[in-house]
Amino acid sequence: CLFIQPVFATELSCGGFVLKLLDDSGSFSIGYQDSDGKIVDFFTSHDEYTSTFFAVKKGKNIYKLNRDSSVDFSTYSTENSIGLKYEVDKDLQVYVDFSFCPEFDGSTQSVIRVDVTLHNLSTKTQSVMLKGVFDTCLGEFLENHFSTAVNQYVSNEQYYKSMSVEKWIRSSNGKYSVQFLLDGAGIT
């Protein structure tokens, strides 16, 4: 058997949390380093983390940003963040910026902020839609795959048009959890 390990180009960590960007596919990974030094992935790692992705619909075409060979990408880092820059058809840039920010106590840095910015490089107005797909593996082997602010038990895939009622989605394996805040102040 030949096992190919993904090559990560850029990494940012805070406390036990680790953000990694894949240099060869434009994918990303978020996990937690446990007390034994092992990284516990929050997202499914098969196919080099490509089942977690952002996609854009530009005109009539849909581009999965980490899978579409026509999409150019690069990684970048700043003092406090790391990110992916995607370029679609030479006239649309998508920046996905990952950073850590404090919890409500103002000091514990266990919140990962993801800012996605789209830049129209065309001289024409374009209709563009953005979608994020997060394939978490934490709740896979439990009866309760997910929970929300309204539904404590969600055991199959769901489609929500708005998160104004549900507020967040949480996946847990009983020891580790990932929670996506999808409605509230500063979330658009």
Protein backbone atom coordinates (compact mmCIF):
# COMPACT_ATOMS: atom_id res chain seq x y z
CA CYS A 1 0.00 0.00 0.00
CA LEU A 2 1.10 3.50 -0.72
CA PHE A 3 -0.12 6.18 1.63
CA ILE A 4 0.18 9.75 0.45
CA GLN A 5 0.17 12.37 3.17
CA PRO A 6 -1.18 15.77 2.18
CA VAL A 7 1.41 18.53 2.11
CA PHE A 8 0.44 21.53 4.19
CA ALA A 9 1.94 24.85 3.19
CA THR A 10 0.65 27.15 5.89
CA GLU A 11 -0.26 26.49 9.51
CA LEU A 12 -1.52 28.64 12.35
CA SER A 13 -2.14 27.43 15.89
CA CYS A 14 -3.42 28.90 19.12
CA GLY A 15 -3.74 26.91 22.31
CA GLY A 16 -4.42 23.41 21.05
CA PHE A 17 -6.28 24.52 17.91
CA VAL A 18 -4.55 24.04 14.57
CA LEU A 19 -5.50 25.56 11.19
CA LYS A 20 -3.79 24.08 8.13
CA LEU A 21 -3.97 24.99 4.44
CA LEU A 22 -3.18 22.36 1.80
CA ASP A 23 -0.66 23.63 -0.69
CA ASP A 24 -1.52 21.18 -3.46
CA SER A 25 -5.32 21.39 -3.50
CA GLY A 26 -6.46 24.65 -1.93
CA SER A 27 -8.22 22.76 0.87
CA PHE A 28 -8.09 23.46 4.59
CA SER A 29 -8.16 21.56 7.86
CA ILE A 30 -9.16 22.56 11.36
CA GLY A 31 -8.34 20.38 14.34
CA TYR A 32 -7.22 20.17 17.93
CA GLN A 33 -3.91 18.84 19.23
CA ASP A 34 -4.63 16.60 22.23
CA SER A 35 -2.38 16.08 25.25
CA ASP A 36 -0.55 13.22 23.44
CA GLY A 37 0.32 15.53 20.52
CA LYS A 38 -2.15 13.84 18.16
CA ILE A 39 -4.24 16.11 15.93
CA VAL A 40 -7.98 15.39 16.15
CA ASP A 41 -9.48 16.52 12.84
CA PHE A 42 -12.82 18.31 12.92
CA PHE A 43 -13.39 17.73 9.20
CA THR A 44 -13.29 14.53 7.16
CA SER A 45 -9.72 14.06 5.92
CA HIS A 46 -10.27 11.67 3.00
CA ASP A 47 -9.25 12.91 -0.46
CA GLU A 48 -7.02 15.55 1.12
CA TYR A 49 -9.88 17.31 2.92
CA THR A 50 -11.68 18.10 -0.36
CA SER A 51 -15.15 17.27 0.99
CA THR A 52 -15.04 20.51 2.99
CA PHE A 53 -15.00 23.45 0.60
CA PHE A 54 -16.34 26.76 -0.59
CA ALA A 55 -18.07 27.03 -3.95
CA VAL A 56 -19.16 29.98 -6.03
CA LYS A 57 -21.82 30.21 -8.67
CA LYS A 58 -20.83 32.81 -11.23
CA GLY A 59 -23.38 33.30 -13.95
CA LYS A 60 -24.55 29.77 -14.78
CA ASN A 61 -21.30 28.04 -13.77
CA ILE A 62 -20.55 26.48 -10.38
CA TYR A 63 -16.93 26.27 -9.22
CA LYS A 64 -15.88 24.13 -6.26
CA LEU A 65 -12.91 26.23 -5.30
CA ASN A 66 -10.66 23.42 -4.05
CA ARG A 67 -11.59 20.90 -6.75
CA ASP A 68 -11.97 22.82 -9.98
CA SER A 69 -8.80 22.74 -12.09
CA SER A 70 -9.78 26.04 -13.76
CA VAL A 71 -9.56 27.85 -10.41
CA ASP A 72 -6.12 29.22 -9.52
CA PHE A 73 -5.28 29.42 -5.83
CA SER A 74 -2.54 30.45 -3.48
CA THR A 75 -2.04 30.59 0.27
CA TYR A 76 -1.03 33.60 2.31
CA SER A 77 -0.33 34.48 5.90
CA THR A 78 -0.34 37.63 7.98
CA GLU A 79 0.75 38.16 11.56
CA ASN A 80 -2.64 36.98 12.90
CA SER A 81 -4.24 34.95 10.12
CA ILE A 82 -3.76 32.52 7.26
CA GLY A 83 -5.81 32.32 4.12
CA LEU A 84 -6.56 31.02 0.68
CA LYS A 85 -6.93 33.22 -2.37
CA TYR A 86 -8.85 31.73 -5.30
CA GLU A 87 -9.14 33.28 -8.76
CA VAL A 88 -12.06 32.29 -10.98
CA ASP A 89 -11.97 33.13 -14.70
CA LYS A 90 -9.46 35.94 -14.08
CA ASP A 91 -12.30 38.28 -13.09
CA LEU A 92 -13.32 37.08 -9.60
CA GLN A 93 -11.13 36.71 -6.53
CA VAL A 94 -12.29 34.89 -3.41
CA TYR A 95 -10.36 35.34 -0.16
CA VAL A 96 -10.95 32.90 2.72
CA ASP A 97 -9.23 34.27 5.82
CA PHE A 98 -8.87 32.21 9.04
CA SER A 99 -7.98 33.79 12.38
CA PHE A 100 -8.43 33.19 16.09
CA CYS A 101 -10.49 35.48 18.26
CA PRO A 102 -11.40 35.51 21.94
CA GLU A 103 -14.45 33.93 23.50
CA PHE A 104 -16.92 35.92 25.57
CA ASP A 105 -14.41 36.08 28.45
CA GLY A 106 -12.22 38.26 26.21
CA SER A 107 -9.07 36.17 26.56
CA THR A 108 -9.55 32.46 25.71
CA GLN A 109 -8.71 32.09 22.01
CA SER A 110 -10.80 29.05 21.03
CA VAL A 111 -12.99 30.75 18.43
CA ILE A 112 -11.92 30.48 14.80
CA ARG A 113 -13.20 33.27 12.64
CA VAL A 114 -13.60 32.66 8.91
CA ASP A 115 -14.01 35.75 6.74
CA VAL A 116 -14.85 35.22 3.07
CA THR A 117 -14.51 38.19 0.72
CA LEU A 118 -15.35 38.27 -2.98
CA HIS A 119 -13.74 40.83 -5.31
CA ASN A 120 -15.21 41.50 -8.74
CA LEU A 121 -12.28 42.31 -11.06
CA SER A 122 -14.53 42.73 -14.07
CA THR A 123 -15.74 46.09 -15.30
CA LYS A 124 -19.22 44.54 -15.49
CA THR A 125 -21.62 43.70 -12.69
CA GLN A 126 -21.59 39.96 -11.98
CA SER A 127 -24.11 37.79 -10.19
CA VAL A 128 -22.17 35.63 -7.73
CA MET A 129 -23.33 33.27 -4.95
CA LEU A 130 -21.15 31.67 -2.28
CA LYS A 131 -21.71 28.36 -0.51
CA GLY A 132 -19.68 26.71 2.27
CA VAL A 133 -19.77 22.93 2.80
CA PHE A 134 -18.24 21.64 6.05
CA ASP A 135 -17.96 17.85 6.21
CA THR A 136 -17.37 17.28 9.91
CA CYS A 137 -16.51 13.80 11.11
CA LEU A 138 -17.04 14.29 14.84
CA GLY A 139 -20.65 13.14 15.09
CA GLU A 140 -20.44 10.35 12.49
CA PHE A 141 -20.51 7.43 14.91
CA LEU A 142 -23.07 8.79 17.33
CA GLU A 143 -26.84 8.64 17.09
CA ASN A 144 -26.95 12.43 17.23
CA HIS A 145 -24.85 13.77 14.34
CA PHE A 146 -25.62 17.45 14.94
CA SER A 147 -27.53 19.79 17.19
CA THR A 148 -28.74 23.35 16.79
CA ALA A 149 -30.12 25.98 19.13
CA VAL A 150 -33.61 24.63 18.37
CA ASN A 151 -33.06 20.91 17.67
CA GLN A 152 -30.98 18.97 20.17
CA TYR A 153 -30.94 15.84 17.96
CA VAL A 154 -30.29 15.98 14.22
CA SER A 155 -29.31 12.61 12.75
CA ASN A 156 -29.38 13.29 9.00
CA GLU A 157 -28.34 16.00 6.56
CA GLN A 158 -30.42 19.17 6.64
CA TYR A 159 -30.88 22.18 4.39
CA TYR A 160 -31.52 25.53 6.06
CA LYS A 161 -32.45 28.60 4.03
CA SER A 162 -31.83 30.85 7.02
CA MET A 163 -30.15 30.36 10.37
CA SER A 164 -32.08 33.14 12.12
CA VAL A 165 -33.91 30.58 14.26
CA GLU A 166 -31.37 27.75 14.49
CA LYS A 167 -28.47 30.20 15.21
CA TRP A 168 -25.70 27.57 15.17
CA ILE A 169 -24.83 23.98 14.27
CA ARG A 170 -22.72 21.79 16.58
CA SER A 171 -21.11 18.42 15.90
CA SER A 172 -19.51 16.42 18.70
CA ASN A 173 -17.97 13.01 19.32
CA GLY A 174 -18.53 13.30 23.07
CA LYS A 175 -14.99 14.56 23.76
CA TYR A 176 -14.46 17.23 21.09
CA SER A 177 -16.97 19.58 19.48
CA VAL A 178 -17.07 22.03 16.63
CA GLN A 179 -19.79 24.67 16.56
CA PHE A 180 -20.57 26.94 13.61
CA LEU A 181 -22.09 30.26 14.64
CA LEU A 182 -24.32 31.23 11.72
CA ASP A 183 -26.49 34.03 13.06
CA GLY A 184 -25.81 36.93 15.39
CA ALA A 185 -23.96 40.20 15.72
CA GLY A 186 -21.11 40.52 13.23
CA ILE A 187 -22.20 37.47 11.24
CA THR A 188 -23.40 38.20 7.71
